[in-house]
Amino acid sequence: MNYKTGKEYMEKLVAQKGQGLFSPDRSHNIIIEFPGKLKPGDYVMKVCEVPSHTKLWDIVFANSKGKYNDFVRFLDDIYSNGTDIDLSKYAMIDNAEYLAQLIFWETLQEDINYPPPAQGRKLTFCRLYEAVIVSQGQLTDIQIQNVRNRCNNHNSGIPQLYQIPPKFSKPSFYL
């Protein structure tokens, strides 16, 4: 499912049924409960609990160590195509299918609640990319706690993107 289809699906589901829940990936315990609180189509994602942004960053941080190029391509692919990706290209990423579902449903919610001209999923993907960068252990001035704080800065404005050294290839969404 791509982002446009996902947003249309959620808006239609809420309009038709009002409330309910479903599992897009039963084998990994992801549950989508709707409606959410913000906008039509909003929902709550649960993975045996409601995952916070910070928890998602920690999962990406832990899983991307030593896999920089693979994870950058993985994030870029999800950003562009949602879950309509060839997971066989990411066999080196543990639980790639689960991560793709988790990232997609978390970021689709951002697109629904903060549509253009707001940042939507782009800002979330930028923060995920920053977690990948930090996981490589090559940046001494940025730690995972800095990334966590930047993603939990409610009502404090959007922090500037980090200046990533040229030796790191950047994904399409991190400009």
Foldseek 3Di string as FASTA:
>chain_A
DALVVLQVVLLVCCVVPVWDKDDPDVVQQWMWTDDDDAARSATFIARVHGDDLLNLLVVLLVQLAPPLVLVQVLLLCCNGGQLPDDCVSNPVGPPSNVNSPVLRVVQSNQCRRAPPPGCRSLLSSLLSNVSNVQSHVPDPVDHSVNSVCQVPVPPPDHDDRDDDDPVHDHHPSND
